C-alpha cells in the first residue's frame, strides 16, 4: 500500500492506535507505517539538502 495523501496517512495511524475499527493484519499495518516513516525521513533529508544549497550561487 502506497500512501498518497494525508487522509490515507491519518487512516493508517488511526487503525494502528485503535480509533478506527478494521479487520486488517496489525503486523502488516505496522510494516506499512514503518516504511512510510522511513520514506518520509529520506524525503526530509533530501529536501533539507536541497534547501541548504539554495542561495549559495
PDB file of N, CA and C in Angstrom:
ATOM      1  N   UNK A   1       0.849  -1.184   0.000  1.00  0.00           N
ATOM      2  CA  UNK A   1       0.000   0.000   0.000  1.00  0.00           C
ATOM      3  C   UNK A   1       0.886   1.236   0.000  1.00  0.00           C
ATOM      4  N   UNK A   2       0.738   2.058  -0.970  1.00  0.00           N
ATOM      5  CA  UNK A   2       1.483   3.311  -1.039  1.00  0.00           C
ATOM      6  C   UNK A   2       0.574   4.415  -0.517  1.00  0.00           C
ATOM      7  N   UNK A   3       1.112   5.206   0.389  1.00  0.00           N
ATOM      8  CA  UNK A   3       0.350   6.314   0.950  1.00  0.00           C
ATOM      9  C   UNK A   3       0.409   7.477  -0.036  1.00  0.00           C
ATOM     10  N   UNK A   4      -0.742   7.961  -0.464  1.00  0.00           N
ATOM     11  CA  UNK A   4      -0.802   9.002  -1.468  1.00  0.00           C
ATOM     12  C   UNK A   4      -1.177  10.363  -0.908  1.00  0.00           C
ATOM     13  N   UNK A   5      -1.796  10.400   0.252  1.00  0.00           N
ATOM     14  CA  UNK A   5      -2.224  11.698   0.774  1.00  0.00           C
ATOM     15  C   UNK A   5      -2.362  11.653   2.292  1.00  0.00           C
ATOM     16  N   UNK A   6      -2.598  12.815   2.885  1.00  0.00           N
ATOM     17  CA  UNK A   6      -2.710  12.913   4.335  1.00  0.00           C
ATOM     18  C   UNK A   6      -3.867  12.095   4.891  1.00  0.00           C
ATOM     19  N   UNK A   7      -4.958  11.992   4.129  1.00  0.00           N
ATOM     20  CA  UNK A   7      -6.110  11.219   4.596  1.00  0.00           C
ATOM     21  C   UNK A   7      -5.717   9.756   4.800  1.00  0.00           C
ATOM     22  N   UNK A   8      -4.983   9.194   3.850  1.00  0.00           N
ATOM     23  CA  UNK A   8      -4.554   7.810   3.971  1.00  0.00           C
ATOM     24  C   UNK A   8      -3.570   7.640   5.122  1.00  0.00           C
ATOM     25  N   UNK A   9      -2.693   8.614   5.306  1.00  0.00           N
ATOM     26  CA  UNK A   9      -1.742   8.583   6.419  1.00  0.00           C
ATOM     27  C   UNK A   9      -2.485   8.583   7.754  1.00  0.00           C
ATOM     28  N   UNK A  10      -3.475   9.439   7.875  1.00  0.00           N
ATOM     29  CA  UNK A  10      -4.254   9.520   9.115  1.00  0.00           C
ATOM     30  C   UNK A  10      -5.047   8.239   9.350  1.00  0.00           C
ATOM     31  N   UNK A  11      -5.605   7.663   8.285  1.00  0.00           N
ATOM     32  CA  UNK A  11      -6.345   6.404   8.431  1.00  0.00           C
ATOM     33  C   UNK A  11      -5.434   5.296   8.952  1.00  0.00           C
ATOM     34  N   UNK A  12      -4.230   5.210   8.404  1.00  0.00           N
ATOM     35  CA  UNK A  12      -3.287   4.189   8.849  1.00  0.00           C
ATOM     36  C   UNK A  12      -2.936   4.403  10.321  1.00  0.00           C
ATOM     37  N   UNK A  13      -2.656   5.639  10.693  1.00  0.00           N
ATOM     38  CA  UNK A  13      -2.353   5.969  12.092  1.00  0.00           C
ATOM     39  C   UNK A  13      -3.514   5.569  13.009  1.00  0.00           C
ATOM     40  N   UNK A  14      -4.735   5.919  12.596  1.00  0.00           N
ATOM     41  CA  UNK A  14      -5.906   5.651  13.426  1.00  0.00           C
ATOM     42  C   UNK A  14      -6.205   4.161  13.538  1.00  0.00           C
ATOM     43  N   UNK A  15      -5.923   3.403  12.501  1.00  0.00           N
ATOM     44  CA  UNK A  15      -6.086   1.944  12.580  1.00  0.00           C
ATOM     45  C   UNK A  15      -5.111   1.366  13.588  1.00  0.00           C
ATOM     46  N   UNK A  16      -3.888   1.866  13.573  1.00  0.00           N
ATOM     47  CA  UNK A  16      -2.878   1.351  14.496  1.00  0.00           C
ATOM     48  C   UNK A  16      -3.163   1.738  15.940  1.00  0.00           C
ATOM     49  N   UNK A  17      -3.704   2.925  16.169  1.00  0.00           N
ATOM     50  CA  UNK A  17      -3.955   3.337  17.556  1.00  0.00           C
ATOM     51  C   UNK A  17      -5.337   2.904  18.053  1.00  0.00           C
ATOM     52  N   UNK A  18      -6.125   2.276  17.186  1.00  0.00           N
ATOM     53  CA  UNK A  18      -7.392   1.694  17.612  1.00  0.00           C
ATOM     54  C   UNK A  18      -8.599   2.602  17.499  1.00  0.00           C
ATOM     55  N   UNK A  19      -8.436   3.817  16.994  1.00  0.00           N
ATOM     56  CA  UNK A  19      -9.589   4.708  16.915  1.00  0.00           C
ATOM     57  C   UNK A  19     -10.441   4.457  15.669  1.00  0.00           C
ATOM     58  N   UNK A  20      -9.933   3.647  14.723  1.00  0.00           N
ATOM     59  CA  UNK A  20     -10.729   3.184  13.580  1.00  0.00           C
ATOM     60  C   UNK A  20     -10.771   1.662  13.634  1.00  0.00           C
ATOM     61  N   UNK A  21     -11.973   1.119  13.641  1.00  0.00           N
ATOM     62  CA  UNK A  21     -12.137  -0.330  13.613  1.00  0.00           C
ATOM     63  C   UNK A  21     -11.752  -0.864  12.235  1.00  0.00           C
ATOM     64  N   UNK A  22     -11.082  -2.009  12.205  1.00  0.00           N
ATOM     65  CA  UNK A  22     -10.657  -2.602  10.940  1.00  0.00           C
ATOM     66  C   UNK A  22     -10.460  -4.097  11.132  1.00  0.00           C
ATOM     67  N   UNK A  23     -10.312  -4.798  10.032  1.00  0.00           N
ATOM     68  CA  UNK A  23     -10.052  -6.235  10.107  1.00  0.00           C
ATOM     69  C   UNK A  23      -8.754  -6.576   9.373  1.00  0.00           C
ATOM     70  N   UNK A  24      -7.835  -5.615   9.350  1.00  0.00           N
ATOM     71  CA  UNK A  24      -6.562  -5.799   8.668  1.00  0.00           C
ATOM     72  C   UNK A  24      -5.514  -6.352   9.636  1.00  0.00           C
ATOM     73  N   UNK A  25      -4.497  -6.959   9.080  1.00  0.00           N
ATOM     74  CA  UNK A  25      -3.406  -7.537   9.849  1.00  0.00           C
ATOM     75  C   UNK A  25      -2.591  -6.423  10.518  1.00  0.00           C
ATOM     76  N   UNK A  26      -2.545  -6.440  11.845  1.00  0.00           N
ATOM     77  CA  UNK A  26      -1.831  -5.397  12.597  1.00  0.00           C
ATOM     78  C   UNK A  26      -0.344  -5.370  12.228  1.00  0.00           C
ATOM     79  N   UNK A  27       0.240  -6.523  12.027  1.00  0.00           N
ATOM     80  CA  UNK A  27       1.663  -6.588  11.678  1.00  0.00           C
ATOM     81  C   UNK A  27       1.909  -5.923  10.318  1.00  0.00           C
ATOM     82  N   UNK A  28       1.024  -6.162   9.358  1.00  0.00           N
ATOM     83  CA  UNK A  28       1.148  -5.539   8.040  1.00  0.00           C
ATOM     84  C   UNK A  28       0.978  -4.019   8.146  1.00  0.00           C
ATOM     85  N   UNK A  29       0.011  -3.585   8.940  1.00  0.00           N
ATOM     86  CA  UNK A  29      -0.182  -2.146   9.138  1.00  0.00           C
ATOM     87  C   UNK A  29       1.060  -1.509   9.751  1.00  0.00           C
ATOM     88  N   UNK A  30       1.677  -2.193  10.729  1.00  0.00           N
ATOM     89  CA  UNK A  30       2.876  -1.654  11.365  1.00  0.00           C
ATOM     90  C   UNK A  30       4.030  -1.585  10.372  1.00  0.00           C
ATOM     91  N   UNK A  31       4.164  -2.600   9.516  1.00  0.00           N
ATOM     92  CA  UNK A  31       5.203  -2.580   8.485  1.00  0.00           C
ATOM     93  C   UNK A  31       4.994  -1.405   7.535  1.00  0.00           C
ATOM     94  N   UNK A  32       3.742  -1.144   7.152  1.00  0.00           N
ATOM     95  CA  UNK A  32       3.432  -0.021   6.273  1.00  0.00           C
ATOM     96  C   UNK A  32       3.781   1.298   6.957  1.00  0.00           C
ATOM     97  N   UNK A  33       3.448   1.405   8.235  1.00  0.00           N
ATOM     98  CA  UNK A  33       3.736   2.619   8.993  1.00  0.00           C
ATOM     99  C   UNK A  33       5.247   2.863   9.077  1.00  0.00           C
ATOM    100  N   UNK A  34       5.996   1.790   9.370  1.00  0.00           N
ATOM    101  CA  UNK A  34       7.447   1.912   9.474  1.00  0.00           C
ATOM    102  C   UNK A  34       8.061   2.319   8.134  1.00  0.00           C
ATOM    103  N   UNK A  35       7.586   1.722   7.045  1.00  0.00           N
ATOM    104  CA  UNK A  35       8.096   2.066   5.721  1.00  0.00           C
ATOM    105  C   UNK A  35       7.762   3.510   5.377  1.00  0.00           C
ATOM    106  N   UNK A  36       6.572   3.926   5.710  1.00  0.00           N
ATOM    107  CA  UNK A  36       6.154   5.301   5.463  1.00  0.00           C
ATOM    108  C   UNK A  36       7.087   6.281   6.173  1.00  0.00           C
ATOM    109  N   UNK A  37       7.372   6.012   7.434  1.00  0.00           N
ATOM    110  CA  UNK A  37       8.250   6.911   8.181  1.00  0.00           C
ATOM    111  C   UNK A  37       9.661   6.915   7.612  1.00  0.00           C
ATOM    112  N   UNK A  38      10.130   5.773   7.188  1.00  0.00           N
ATOM    113  CA  UNK A  38      11.452   5.703   6.557  1.00  0.00           C
ATOM    114  C   UNK A  38      11.481   6.543   5.281  1.00  0.00           C
ATOM    115  N   UNK A  39      10.438   6.410   4.461  1.00  0.00           N
ATOM    116  CA  UNK A  39      10.337   7.190   3.223  1.00  0.00           C
ATOM    117  C   UNK A  39      10.264   8.688   3.514  1.00  0.00           C
ATOM    118  N   UNK A  40       9.502   9.054   4.532  1.00  0.00           N
ATOM    119  CA  UNK A  40       9.358  10.467   4.876  1.00  0.00           C
ATOM    120  C   UNK A  40      10.673  11.043   5.392  1.00  0.00           C
ATOM    121  N   UNK A  41      11.425  10.279   6.169  1.00  0.00           N
ATOM    122  CA  UNK A  41      12.723  10.735   6.658  1.00  0.00           C
ATOM    123  C   UNK A  41      13.694  10.928   5.499  1.00  0.00           C
ATOM    124  N   UNK A  42      13.670  10.010   4.539  1.00  0.00           N
ATOM    125  CA  UNK A  42      14.532  10.142   3.363  1.00  0.00           C
ATOM    126  C   UNK A  42      14.175  11.392   2.570  1.00  0.00           C
ATOM    127  N   UNK A  43      12.884  11.629   2.407  1.00  0.00           N
ATOM    128  CA  UNK A  43      12.425  12.805   1.670  1.00  0.00           C
ATOM    129  C   UNK A  43      12.807  14.086   2.409  1.00  0.00           C
ATOM    130  N   UNK A  44      12.681  14.060   3.716  1.00  0.00           N
ATOM    131  CA  UNK A  44      13.044  15.240   4.520  1.00  0.00           C
ATOM    132  C   UNK A  44      14.529  15.546   4.372  1.00  0.00           C
ATOM    133  N   UNK A  45      15.363  14.510   4.432  1.00  0.00           N
ATOM    134  CA  UNK A  45      16.806  14.711   4.293  1.00  0.00           C
ATOM    135  C   UNK A  45      17.134  15.285   2.916  1.00  0.00           C
ATOM    136  N   UNK A  46      16.461  14.780   1.898  1.00  0.00           N
ATOM    137  CA  UNK A  46      16.676  15.288   0.538  1.00  0.00           C
ATOM    138  C   UNK A  46      16.222  16.742   0.436  1.00  0.00           C
ATOM    139  N   UNK A  47      15.065  17.046   1.000  1.00  0.00           N
ATOM    140  CA  UNK A  47      14.551  18.414   0.970  1.00  0.00           C
ATOM    141  C   UNK A  47      15.489  19.368   1.711  1.00  0.00           C
ATOM    142  N   UNK A  48      15.991  18.953   2.868  1.00  0.00           N
ATOM    143  CA  UNK A  48      16.898  19.802   3.634  1.00  0.00           C
ATOM    144  C   UNK A  48      18.196  20.021   2.872  1.00  0.00           C
ATOM    145  N   UNK A  49      18.670  18.989   2.173  1.00  0.00           N
ATOM    146  CA  UNK A  49      19.872  19.123   1.368  1.00  0.00           C
ATOM    147  C   UNK A  49      19.668  20.108   0.236  1.00  0.00           C
ATOM    148  N   UNK A  50      18.513  20.052  -0.385  1.00  0.00           N
ATOM    149  CA  UNK A  50      18.199  20.991  -1.462  1.00  0.00           C
ATOM    150  C   UNK A  50      18.082  22.407  -0.927  1.00  0.00           C
ATOM    151  N   UNK A  51      17.478  22.569   0.225  1.00  0.00           N
ATOM    152  CA  UNK A  51      17.299  23.889   0.802  1.00  0.00           C
ATOM    153  C   UNK A  51      18.648  24.485   1.198  1.00  0.00           C
ATOM    154  N   UNK A  52      19.545  23.636   1.725  1.00  0.00           N
ATOM    155  CA  UNK A  52      20.851  24.106   2.150  1.00  0.00           C
ATOM    156  C   UNK A  52      21.647  24.697   1.003  1.00  0.00           C
ATOM    157  N   UNK A  53      21.427  24.218  -0.213  1.00  0.00           N
ATOM    158  CA  UNK A  53      22.141  24.736  -1.367  1.00  0.00           C
ATOM    159  C   UNK A  53      21.490  25.942  -1.987  1.00  0.00           C
ATOM    160  N   UNK A  54      20.298  26.257  -1.595  1.00  0.00           N
ATOM    161  CA  UNK A  54      19.561  27.377  -2.171  1.00  0.00           C
ATOM    162  C   UNK A  54      20.192  28.696  -1.738  1.00  0.00           C
ATOM    163  N   UNK A  55      20.472  29.552  -2.687  1.00  0.00           N
ATOM    164  CA  UNK A  55      21.018  30.862  -2.369  1.00  0.00           C
ATOM    165  C   UNK A  55      22.532  30.895  -2.277  1.00  0.00           C
ATOM    166  N   UNK A  56      23.180  29.722  -2.413  1.00  0.00           N
ATOM    167  CA  UNK A  56      24.633  29.676  -2.348  1.00  0.00           C
ATOM    168  C   UNK A  56      25.286  30.048  -3.666  1.00  0.00           C
ATOM    169  N   UNK A  57      24.464  30.295  -4.656  1.00  0.00           N
ATOM    170  CA  UNK A  57      25.004  30.536  -6.006  1.00  0.00           C
ATOM    171  C   UNK A  57      25.442  31.952  -6.198  1.00  0.00           C
TER     172      UNK A  57
END
